[in-house]
Amino acid sequence: MKRVLLMLVLLFVVVATACEKIDDLLTFYIEEEETFAIESGFPLGALIPATPFTVTTNSEETFKNNKTRAGLVKDVSLNRLELTITAPETQNFDFLKRIELYISSEKQPEVKIAYLDEVPAGTTVLKLKSTNAKLDEYIKGNSYTIRTQAEISKPIAEDITIKADMRFKVTADPL
């Protein structure tokens, strides 16, 4: 009886390890970098929308380069989102109380993908928290739009340009 139980445990470990290795082989990342602006002149405490930007995905080619196709993609999620102030150079995120980013597409509804409820003082780079939303249909499409909503805690004297570095984790089925 102990041998059977030991064999079942070993079989389970082998199968779990093999499945994890297969998932690793079928997982890749899509990196996107976009720039948007937060305009000056908004009142304190207001929720301001930054200029939305549209991303052309080129997903078919990306999937092909990773030896898969859109029909086999089973899971896409936001793996990382960093915001960096690029102009003016002396600016940091002290003007910001909180920030949220949303994704939408022509065929899909808007969904929140990342946020930061408390912006740390003195930083020029923010690492947002992912909502782990399922983003398969957005990434499979030809394009998607990212919209930013931010709450201002200090007056903004001049427009601020921010670079968004996004990384999406993509997992595909083997067949």
N, C-alpha and C. Protein backbone atom coordinates (compact mmCIF):
# COMPACT_ATOMS: atom_id res chain seq x y z
N MET A 1 0.82 -1.20 0.00
CA MET A 1 0.00 0.00 0.00
C MET A 1 0.86 1.27 0.00
N LYS A 2 1.95 1.23 0.80
CA LYS A 2 2.84 2.38 0.86
C LYS A 2 3.50 2.62 -0.49
N ARG A 3 3.82 1.54 -1.19
CA ARG A 3 4.45 1.68 -2.52
C ARG A 3 3.49 2.34 -3.51
N VAL A 4 2.24 1.95 -3.48
CA VAL A 4 1.25 2.53 -4.37
C VAL A 4 1.08 4.02 -4.07
N LEU A 5 1.00 4.35 -2.80
CA LEU A 5 0.87 5.75 -2.40
C LEU A 5 2.10 6.55 -2.82
N LEU A 6 3.28 5.98 -2.63
CA LEU A 6 4.51 6.64 -3.02
C LEU A 6 4.56 6.84 -4.54
N MET A 7 4.13 5.84 -5.28
CA MET A 7 4.11 5.93 -6.74
C MET A 7 3.13 7.01 -7.20
N LEU A 8 1.97 7.11 -6.56
CA LEU A 8 1.00 8.13 -6.91
C LEU A 8 1.55 9.53 -6.63
N VAL A 9 2.21 9.69 -5.50
CA VAL A 9 2.80 10.98 -5.16
C VAL A 9 3.88 11.34 -6.18
N LEU A 10 4.75 10.41 -6.51
CA LEU A 10 5.80 10.65 -7.51
C LEU A 10 5.21 10.98 -8.88
N LEU A 11 4.17 10.26 -9.27
CA LEU A 11 3.52 10.51 -10.54
C LEU A 11 2.92 11.92 -10.56
N PHE A 12 2.29 12.32 -9.46
CA PHE A 12 1.72 13.66 -9.37
C PHE A 12 2.81 14.72 -9.50
N VAL A 13 3.94 14.54 -8.82
CA VAL A 13 5.04 15.49 -8.88
C VAL A 13 5.59 15.60 -10.29
N VAL A 14 5.75 14.47 -10.97
CA VAL A 14 6.27 14.47 -12.34
C VAL A 14 5.31 15.17 -13.28
N VAL A 15 4.02 14.88 -13.16
CA VAL A 15 3.02 15.51 -14.02
C VAL A 15 2.94 17.02 -13.75
N ALA A 16 2.95 17.42 -12.49
CA ALA A 16 2.89 18.84 -12.14
C ALA A 16 4.11 19.58 -12.67
N THR A 17 5.28 18.97 -12.54
CA THR A 17 6.51 19.59 -13.03
C THR A 17 6.49 19.69 -14.55
N ALA A 18 6.03 18.65 -15.21
CA ALA A 18 5.96 18.65 -16.68
C ALA A 18 4.98 19.72 -17.17
N CYS A 19 3.84 19.85 -16.51
CA CYS A 19 2.86 20.87 -16.90
C CYS A 19 3.43 22.28 -16.71
N GLU A 20 4.17 22.47 -15.62
CA GLU A 20 4.78 23.78 -15.37
C GLU A 20 5.82 24.09 -16.44
N LYS A 21 6.60 23.10 -16.84
CA LYS A 21 7.61 23.30 -17.89
C LYS A 21 6.94 23.61 -19.23
N ILE A 22 5.85 22.93 -19.54
CA ILE A 22 5.13 23.18 -20.79
C ILE A 22 4.56 24.59 -20.78
N ASP A 23 3.96 25.02 -19.64
CA ASP A 23 3.44 26.39 -19.54
C ASP A 23 4.56 27.41 -19.75
N ASP A 24 5.75 27.13 -19.18
CA ASP A 24 6.89 28.03 -19.38
C ASP A 24 7.27 28.13 -20.85
N LEU A 25 7.22 27.01 -21.56
CA LEU A 25 7.55 27.01 -22.99
C LEU A 25 6.52 27.77 -23.81
N LEU A 26 5.29 27.81 -23.34
CA LEU A 26 4.20 28.44 -24.07
C LEU A 26 3.88 29.84 -23.56
N THR A 27 4.74 30.38 -22.71
CA THR A 27 4.55 31.71 -22.15
C THR A 27 5.60 32.65 -22.70
N PHE A 28 5.16 33.84 -23.10
CA PHE A 28 6.07 34.87 -23.58
C PHE A 28 5.51 36.23 -23.16
N TYR A 29 6.28 37.27 -23.40
CA TYR A 29 5.90 38.61 -22.97
C TYR A 29 5.83 39.57 -24.16
N ILE A 30 4.89 40.48 -24.09
CA ILE A 30 4.77 41.54 -25.09
C ILE A 30 5.07 42.86 -24.36
N GLU A 31 6.06 43.57 -24.86
CA GLU A 31 6.46 44.84 -24.27
C GLU A 31 5.88 45.98 -25.11
N GLU A 32 5.33 46.98 -24.44
CA GLU A 32 4.80 48.17 -25.11
C GLU A 32 5.31 49.40 -24.37
N GLU A 33 5.64 50.43 -25.13
CA GLU A 33 6.07 51.70 -24.54
C GLU A 33 5.32 52.82 -25.23
N GLU A 34 4.62 53.61 -24.45
CA GLU A 34 3.83 54.72 -24.99
C GLU A 34 4.03 55.95 -24.11
N THR A 35 3.72 57.11 -24.66
CA THR A 35 3.85 58.37 -23.94
C THR A 35 2.50 59.08 -23.92
N PHE A 36 2.19 59.71 -22.77
CA PHE A 36 0.96 60.50 -22.67
C PHE A 36 1.25 61.75 -21.85
N ALA A 37 0.31 62.68 -21.84
CA ALA A 37 0.52 63.96 -21.16
C ALA A 37 -0.57 64.20 -20.13
N ILE A 38 -0.17 64.84 -19.03
CA ILE A 38 -1.12 65.38 -18.06
C ILE A 38 -1.01 66.88 -18.18
N GLU A 39 -2.12 67.51 -18.53
CA GLU A 39 -2.12 68.94 -18.80
C GLU A 39 -2.24 69.75 -17.52
N SER A 40 -1.68 70.94 -17.55
CA SER A 40 -1.74 71.85 -16.40
C SER A 40 -3.13 72.47 -16.29
N GLY A 41 -3.41 73.07 -15.13
CA GLY A 41 -4.63 73.84 -14.98
C GLY A 41 -5.81 73.12 -14.38
N PHE A 42 -5.66 71.90 -13.89
CA PHE A 42 -6.79 71.20 -13.27
C PHE A 42 -6.87 71.56 -11.80
N PRO A 43 -8.07 71.65 -11.25
CA PRO A 43 -8.22 71.99 -9.83
C PRO A 43 -7.77 70.83 -8.93
N LEU A 44 -7.32 71.18 -7.73
CA LEU A 44 -6.88 70.18 -6.76
C LEU A 44 -8.03 69.24 -6.44
N GLY A 45 -7.70 67.97 -6.24
CA GLY A 45 -8.68 66.96 -5.88
C GLY A 45 -9.52 66.47 -7.04
N ALA A 46 -9.38 67.10 -8.19
CA ALA A 46 -10.17 66.69 -9.36
C ALA A 46 -9.62 65.39 -9.93
N LEU A 47 -10.51 64.57 -10.46
CA LEU A 47 -10.09 63.39 -11.20
C LEU A 47 -9.94 63.82 -12.65
N ILE A 48 -8.72 63.82 -13.12
CA ILE A 48 -8.47 64.31 -14.47
C ILE A 48 -8.15 63.16 -15.41
N PRO A 49 -8.67 63.22 -16.59
CA PRO A 49 -8.27 62.24 -17.58
C PRO A 49 -7.05 62.74 -18.34
N ALA A 50 -6.02 61.92 -18.42
CA ALA A 50 -4.87 62.26 -19.26
C ALA A 50 -5.25 61.89 -20.69
N THR A 51 -4.51 62.40 -21.65
CA THR A 51 -4.80 62.14 -23.05
C THR A 51 -4.74 60.63 -23.31
N PRO A 52 -5.84 60.01 -23.75
CA PRO A 52 -5.80 58.57 -24.05
C PRO A 52 -4.89 58.31 -25.25
N PHE A 53 -4.29 57.14 -25.29
CA PHE A 53 -3.46 56.79 -26.43
C PHE A 53 -3.84 55.41 -26.94
N THR A 54 -3.76 55.27 -28.26
CA THR A 54 -4.10 54.01 -28.91
C THR A 54 -2.82 53.27 -29.25
N VAL A 55 -2.84 51.97 -28.98
CA VAL A 55 -1.69 51.11 -29.26
C VAL A 55 -2.07 50.15 -30.37
N THR A 56 -1.30 50.13 -31.45
CA THR A 56 -1.49 49.15 -32.51
C THR A 56 -0.74 47.90 -32.08
N THR A 57 -1.43 46.76 -32.04
CA THR A 57 -0.85 45.58 -31.40
C THR A 57 0.15 44.80 -32.25
N ASN A 58 -0.11 44.67 -33.56
CA ASN A 58 0.74 43.81 -34.39
C ASN A 58 0.79 42.41 -33.78
N SER A 59 -0.33 41.98 -33.20
CA SER A 59 -0.36 40.74 -32.44
C SER A 59 -0.14 39.49 -33.29
N GLU A 60 -0.68 39.47 -34.50
CA GLU A 60 -0.50 38.27 -35.33
C GLU A 60 0.97 37.97 -35.54
N GLU A 61 1.77 38.99 -35.84
CA GLU A 61 3.20 38.80 -36.04
C GLU A 61 3.89 38.40 -34.73
N THR A 62 3.49 39.02 -33.63
CA THR A 62 4.06 38.69 -32.33
C THR A 62 3.76 37.25 -31.98
N PHE A 63 2.52 36.81 -32.19
CA PHE A 63 2.16 35.42 -31.91
C PHE A 63 2.96 34.47 -32.80
N LYS A 64 3.06 34.81 -34.08
CA LYS A 64 3.80 33.97 -35.02
C LYS A 64 5.27 33.85 -34.61
N ASN A 65 5.87 34.96 -34.19
CA ASN A 65 7.27 34.94 -33.74
C ASN A 65 7.46 34.08 -32.50
N ASN A 66 6.39 33.86 -31.76
CA ASN A 66 6.44 33.03 -30.57
C ASN A 66 5.81 31.66 -30.80
N LYS A 67 5.71 31.29 -32.08
CA LYS A 67 5.25 29.96 -32.50
C LYS A 67 3.85 29.61 -32.01
N THR A 68 2.94 30.60 -32.11
CA THR A 68 1.55 30.37 -31.77
C THR A 68 0.68 31.26 -32.65
N ARG A 69 -0.62 31.28 -32.39
CA ARG A 69 -1.53 32.16 -33.12
C ARG A 69 -2.63 32.59 -32.15
N ALA A 70 -3.38 33.60 -32.55
CA ALA A 70 -4.38 34.20 -31.66
C ALA A 70 -5.36 33.18 -31.11
N GLY A 71 -5.77 32.24 -31.94
CA GLY A 71 -6.74 31.23 -31.51
C GLY A 71 -6.23 30.33 -30.39
N LEU A 72 -4.92 30.25 -30.21
CA LEU A 72 -4.34 29.40 -29.17
C LEU A 72 -3.99 30.17 -27.89
N VAL A 73 -4.10 31.50 -27.94
CA VAL A 73 -3.79 32.29 -26.75
C VAL A 73 -4.91 32.08 -25.73
N LYS A 74 -4.51 31.63 -24.53
CA LYS A 74 -5.52 31.31 -23.52
C LYS A 74 -5.51 32.26 -22.33
N ASP A 75 -4.43 33.00 -22.16
CA ASP A 75 -4.36 33.87 -20.99
C ASP A 75 -3.41 35.03 -21.26
N VAL A 76 -3.89 36.26 -21.09
CA VAL A 76 -3.06 37.46 -21.19
C VAL A 76 -3.38 38.32 -19.98
N SER A 77 -2.32 38.76 -19.30
CA SER A 77 -2.50 39.66 -18.16
C SER A 77 -1.38 40.69 -18.15
N LEU A 78 -1.65 41.79 -17.50
CA LEU A 78 -0.63 42.83 -17.35
C LEU A 78 0.36 42.34 -16.31
N ASN A 79 1.62 42.21 -16.72
CA ASN A 79 2.67 41.70 -15.84
C ASN A 79 3.42 42.83 -15.14
N ARG A 80 3.56 43.97 -15.82
CA ARG A 80 4.27 45.11 -15.25
C ARG A 80 3.80 46.40 -15.93
N LEU A 81 3.69 47.47 -15.14
CA LEU A 81 3.39 48.78 -15.69
C LEU A 81 4.15 49.82 -14.87
N GLU A 82 5.08 50.50 -15.53
CA GLU A 82 5.86 51.54 -14.89
C GLU A 82 5.62 52.86 -15.60
N LEU A 83 5.46 53.92 -14.83
CA LEU A 83 5.31 55.26 -15.37
C LEU A 83 6.55 56.06 -15.00
N THR A 84 7.11 56.77 -15.99
CA THR A 84 8.31 57.58 -15.77
C THR A 84 8.07 58.97 -16.33
N ILE A 85 8.35 59.99 -15.54
CA ILE A 85 8.23 61.37 -16.02
C ILE A 85 9.40 61.65 -16.95
N THR A 86 9.09 62.11 -18.17
CA THR A 86 10.14 62.43 -19.14
C THR A 86 10.31 63.93 -19.34
N ALA A 87 9.27 64.72 -19.02
CA ALA A 87 9.38 66.18 -19.15
C ALA A 87 8.33 66.83 -18.25
N PRO A 88 8.62 67.90 -17.61
CA PRO A 88 9.94 68.51 -17.48
C PRO A 88 10.86 67.65 -16.60
N GLU A 89 12.16 67.75 -16.84
CA GLU A 89 13.14 66.89 -16.17
C GLU A 89 13.16 67.07 -14.65
N THR A 90 12.80 68.24 -14.17
CA THR A 90 12.84 68.51 -12.72
C THR A 90 11.58 68.04 -12.00
N GLN A 91 10.58 67.57 -12.73
CA GLN A 91 9.29 67.19 -12.15
C GLN A 91 9.36 65.80 -11.51
N ASN A 92 8.64 65.61 -10.42
CA ASN A 92 8.42 64.28 -9.85
C ASN A 92 6.92 64.07 -9.69
N PHE A 93 6.50 62.95 -9.13
CA PHE A 93 5.08 62.63 -9.03
C PHE A 93 4.40 63.20 -7.79
N ASP A 94 5.01 64.19 -7.13
CA ASP A 94 4.41 64.77 -5.93
C ASP A 94 3.06 65.44 -6.19
N PHE A 95 2.79 65.80 -7.42
CA PHE A 95 1.50 66.43 -7.76
C PHE A 95 0.35 65.44 -7.78
N LEU A 96 0.67 64.17 -7.71
CA LEU A 96 -0.32 63.11 -7.91
C LEU A 96 -0.70 62.46 -6.58
N LYS A 97 -2.01 62.31 -6.36
CA LYS A 97 -2.47 61.61 -5.16
C LYS A 97 -2.68 60.12 -5.46
N ARG A 98 -3.36 59.84 -6.58
CA ARG A 98 -3.58 58.44 -7.00
C ARG A 98 -3.76 58.41 -8.51
N ILE A 99 -3.62 57.20 -9.08
CA ILE A 99 -3.73 57.06 -10.54
C ILE A 99 -4.30 55.68 -10.89
N GLU A 100 -5.07 55.64 -11.98
CA GLU A 100 -5.66 54.39 -12.49
C GLU A 100 -5.49 54.37 -14.00
N LEU A 101 -5.24 53.19 -14.57
CA LEU A 101 -5.18 53.04 -16.02
C LEU A 101 -6.22 52.03 -16.46
N TYR A 102 -6.87 52.34 -17.59
CA TYR A 102 -7.95 51.52 -18.14
C TYR A 102 -7.59 51.14 -19.57
N ILE A 103 -8.08 49.97 -20.00
CA ILE A 103 -7.90 49.52 -21.37
C ILE A 103 -9.28 49.33 -21.99
N SER A 104 -9.39 49.63 -23.29
CA SER A 104 -10.62 49.39 -24.03
C SER A 104 -10.25 49.13 -25.48
N SER A 105 -11.20 48.61 -26.22
CA SER A 105 -10.99 48.43 -27.66
C SER A 105 -12.34 48.60 -28.35
N GLU A 106 -12.30 48.56 -29.65
CA GLU A 106 -13.52 48.76 -30.43
C GLU A 106 -14.58 47.72 -30.07
N LYS A 107 -14.15 46.49 -29.78
CA LYS A 107 -15.09 45.40 -29.54
C LYS A 107 -15.20 44.99 -28.07
N GLN A 108 -14.38 45.60 -27.20
CA GLN A 108 -14.35 45.21 -25.80
C GLN A 108 -14.63 46.41 -24.90
N PRO A 109 -15.27 46.17 -23.77
CA PRO A 109 -15.57 47.28 -22.86
C PRO A 109 -14.32 47.75 -22.12
N GLU A 110 -14.42 48.92 -21.54
CA GLU A 110 -13.30 49.44 -20.76
C GLU A 110 -13.17 48.67 -19.45
N VAL A 111 -11.92 48.36 -19.07
CA VAL A 111 -11.66 47.65 -17.82
C VAL A 111 -10.39 48.24 -17.18
N LYS A 112 -10.41 48.35 -15.87
CA LYS A 112 -9.24 48.87 -15.15
C LYS A 112 -8.15 47.80 -15.16
N ILE A 113 -6.91 48.22 -15.52
CA ILE A 113 -5.81 47.25 -15.59
C ILE A 113 -4.72 47.50 -14.55
N ALA A 114 -4.60 48.74 -14.06
CA ALA A 114 -3.55 49.04 -13.09
C ALA A 114 -3.93 50.28 -12.29
N TYR A 115 -3.33 50.39 -11.11
CA TYR A 115 -3.65 51.51 -10.24
C TYR A 115 -2.54 51.69 -9.20
N LEU A 116 -2.57 52.83 -8.57
CA LEU A 116 -1.75 53.11 -7.40
C LEU A 116 -2.55 54.08 -6.56
N ASP A 117 -3.00 53.62 -5.37
CA ASP A 117 -3.86 54.43 -4.53
C ASP A 117 -3.12 55.50 -3.74
N GLU A 118 -1.86 55.26 -3.44
CA GLU A 118 -1.06 56.24 -2.71
C GLU A 118 0.27 56.40 -3.42
N VAL A 119 0.48 57.55 -4.02
CA VAL A 119 1.72 57.81 -4.75
C VAL A 119 2.79 58.26 -3.75
N PRO A 120 3.94 57.56 -3.73
CA PRO A 120 5.01 57.96 -2.80
C PRO A 120 5.63 59.31 -3.19
N ALA A 121 6.07 60.05 -2.20
CA ALA A 121 6.64 61.38 -2.42
C ALA A 121 8.04 61.30 -3.03
N GLY A 122 8.34 62.27 -3.89
CA GLY A 122 9.69 62.45 -4.41
C GLY A 122 10.14 61.51 -5.51
N THR A 123 9.27 60.68 -6.01
CA THR A 123 9.68 59.69 -7.02
C THR A 123 9.38 60.18 -8.44
N THR A 124 10.22 59.74 -9.38
CA THR A 124 9.99 60.05 -10.80
C THR A 124 9.56 58.81 -11.58
N VAL A 125 9.54 57.66 -10.89
CA VAL A 125 9.10 56.40 -11.49
C VAL A 125 8.08 55.76 -10.57
N LEU A 126 6.93 55.37 -11.14
CA LEU A 126 5.89 54.68 -10.38
C LEU A 126 5.70 53.27 -10.92
N LYS A 127 5.63 52.31 -10.03
CA LYS A 127 5.30 50.93 -10.40
C LYS A 127 3.87 50.69 -9.95
N LEU A 128 2.97 50.59 -10.93
CA LEU A 128 1.56 50.43 -10.62
C LEU A 128 1.23 48.98 -10.32
N LYS A 129 0.14 48.77 -9.59
CA LYS A 129 -0.33 47.44 -9.24
C LYS A 129 -1.29 46.97 -10.33
N SER A 130 -1.10 45.75 -10.79
CA SER A 130 -1.98 45.18 -11.81
C SER A 130 -3.26 44.69 -11.14
N THR A 131 -4.37 44.81 -11.86
CA THR A 131 -5.64 44.26 -11.38
C THR A 131 -5.78 42.79 -11.77
N ASN A 132 -4.83 42.29 -12.56
CA ASN A 132 -4.85 40.91 -13.08
C ASN A 132 -6.08 40.64 -13.94
N ALA A 133 -6.58 41.67 -14.57
CA ALA A 133 -7.73 41.51 -15.47
C ALA A 133 -7.34 40.63 -16.65
N LYS A 134 -8.30 39.90 -17.15
CA LYS A 134 -8.09 39.02 -18.31
C LYS A 134 -8.12 39.90 -19.57
N LEU A 135 -6.99 39.94 -20.29
CA LEU A 135 -6.83 40.89 -21.40
C LEU A 135 -6.68 40.22 -22.76
N ASP A 136 -7.03 38.95 -22.86
CA ASP A 136 -6.85 38.19 -24.10
C ASP A 136 -7.40 38.91 -25.33
N GLU A 137 -8.66 39.30 -25.27
CA GLU A 137 -9.33 39.86 -26.44
C GLU A 137 -8.76 41.23 -26.82
N TYR A 138 -8.26 41.97 -25.86
CA TYR A 138 -7.66 43.28 -26.16
C TYR A 138 -6.35 43.10 -26.94
N ILE A 139 -5.53 42.17 -26.48
CA ILE A 139 -4.21 41.96 -27.09
C ILE A 139 -4.34 41.23 -28.43
N LYS A 140 -5.34 40.39 -28.59
CA LYS A 140 -5.55 39.68 -29.86
C LYS A 140 -6.03 40.62 -30.97
N GLY A 141 -6.63 41.72 -30.60
CA GLY A 141 -7.18 42.65 -31.59
C GLY A 141 -6.11 43.46 -32.30
N ASN A 142 -6.55 44.30 -33.23
CA ASN A 142 -5.62 45.14 -34.00
C ASN A 142 -5.08 46.31 -33.19
N SER A 143 -5.89 46.80 -32.23
CA SER A 143 -5.45 47.92 -31.40
C SER A 143 -6.28 47.97 -30.13
N TYR A 144 -5.77 48.72 -29.18
CA TYR A 144 -6.50 48.98 -27.95
C TYR A 144 -6.15 50.39 -27.50
N THR A 145 -6.97 50.94 -26.62
CA THR A 145 -6.75 52.29 -26.11
C THR A 145 -6.51 52.23 -24.62
N ILE A 146 -5.51 53.00 -24.16
CA ILE A 146 -5.22 53.13 -22.74
C ILE A 146 -5.67 54.52 -22.30
N ARG A 147 -6.46 54.55 -21.24
CA ARG A 147 -6.93 55.82 -20.68
C ARG A 147 -6.45 55.91 -19.24
N THR A 148 -5.99 57.07 -18.87
CA THR A 148 -5.48 57.31 -17.53
C THR A 148 -6.42 58.25 -16.79
N GLN A 149 -6.65 57.95 -15.52
CA GLN A 149 -7.42 58.84 -14.66
C GLN A 149 -6.57 59.08 -13.42
N ALA A 150 -6.34 60.33 -13.08
CA ALA A 150 -5.47 60.68 -11.96
C ALA A 150 -6.12 61.71 -11.06
N GLU A 151 -5.85 61.61 -9.77
CA GLU A 151 -6.31 62.62 -8.82
C GLU A 151 -5.12 63.49 -8.44
N ILE A 152 -5.29 64.78 -8.63
CA ILE A 152 -4.21 65.75 -8.41
C ILE A 152 -4.23 66.23 -6.96
N SER A 153 -3.02 66.27 -6.34
CA SER A 153 -2.92 66.76 -4.96
C SER A 153 -2.22 68.11 -4.86
N LYS A 154 -1.52 68.53 -5.93
CA LYS A 154 -0.85 69.82 -5.97
C LYS A 154 -1.09 70.45 -7.34
N PRO A 155 -1.09 71.77 -7.41
CA PRO A 155 -1.28 72.42 -8.72
C PRO A 155 -0.18 72.03 -9.70
N ILE A 156 -0.56 71.92 -10.97
CA ILE A 156 0.39 71.61 -12.03
C ILE A 156 0.61 72.89 -12.83
N ALA A 157 1.85 73.38 -12.82
CA ALA A 157 2.16 74.65 -13.48
C ALA A 157 2.39 74.50 -14.97
N GLU A 158 2.85 73.33 -15.39
CA GLU A 158 3.09 73.10 -16.82
C GLU A 158 2.74 71.65 -17.16
N ASP A 159 2.49 71.39 -18.44
CA ASP A 159 2.15 70.04 -18.88
C ASP A 159 3.27 69.07 -18.52
N ILE A 160 2.87 67.84 -18.16
CA ILE A 160 3.83 66.82 -17.77
C ILE A 160 3.72 65.66 -18.75
N THR A 161 4.86 65.22 -19.28
CA THR A 161 4.90 64.09 -20.21
C THR A 161 5.38 62.86 -19.44
N ILE A 162 4.64 61.77 -19.62
CA ILE A 162 4.92 60.53 -18.90
C ILE A 162 5.04 59.38 -19.89
N LYS A 163 6.06 58.56 -19.68
CA LYS A 163 6.26 57.35 -20.49
C LYS A 163 5.70 56.16 -19.72
N ALA A 164 4.88 55.35 -20.39
CA ALA A 164 4.32 54.14 -19.80
C ALA A 164 5.01 52.93 -20.41
N ASP A 165 5.67 52.14 -19.57
CA ASP A 165 6.28 50.87 -19.99
C ASP A 165 5.37 49.76 -19.50
N MET A 166 4.78 49.03 -20.46
CA MET A 166 3.85 47.96 -20.11
C MET A 166 4.41 46.62 -20.59
N ARG A 167 4.22 45.60 -19.78
CA ARG A 167 4.60 44.25 -20.19
C ARG A 167 3.43 43.31 -19.91
N PHE A 168 2.99 42.62 -20.97
CA PHE A 168 1.88 41.68 -20.88
C PHE A 168 2.43 40.26 -20.92
N LYS A 169 1.94 39.43 -20.01
CA LYS A 169 2.31 38.01 -19.99
C LYS A 169 1.27 37.25 -20.80
N VAL A 170 1.75 36.48 -21.79
CA VAL A 170 0.88 35.75 -22.70
C VAL A 170 1.16 34.25 -22.57
N THR A 171 0.11 33.47 -22.37
CA THR A 171 0.24 32.01 -22.36
C THR A 171 -0.69 31.44 -23.41
N ALA A 172 -0.15 30.50 -24.20
CA ALA A 172 -0.92 29.89 -25.30
C ALA A 172 -1.08 28.39 -25.05
N ASP A 173 -2.12 27.81 -25.64
CA ASP A 173 -2.29 26.36 -25.63
C ASP A 173 -1.32 25.74 -26.62
N PRO A 174 -0.91 24.49 -26.37
CA PRO A 174 0.06 23.85 -27.27
C PRO A 174 -0.52 23.41 -28.60
N LEU A 175 -1.81 23.23 -28.68
CA LEU A 175 -2.38 22.70 -29.94
C LEU A 175 -3.22 23.70 -30.66
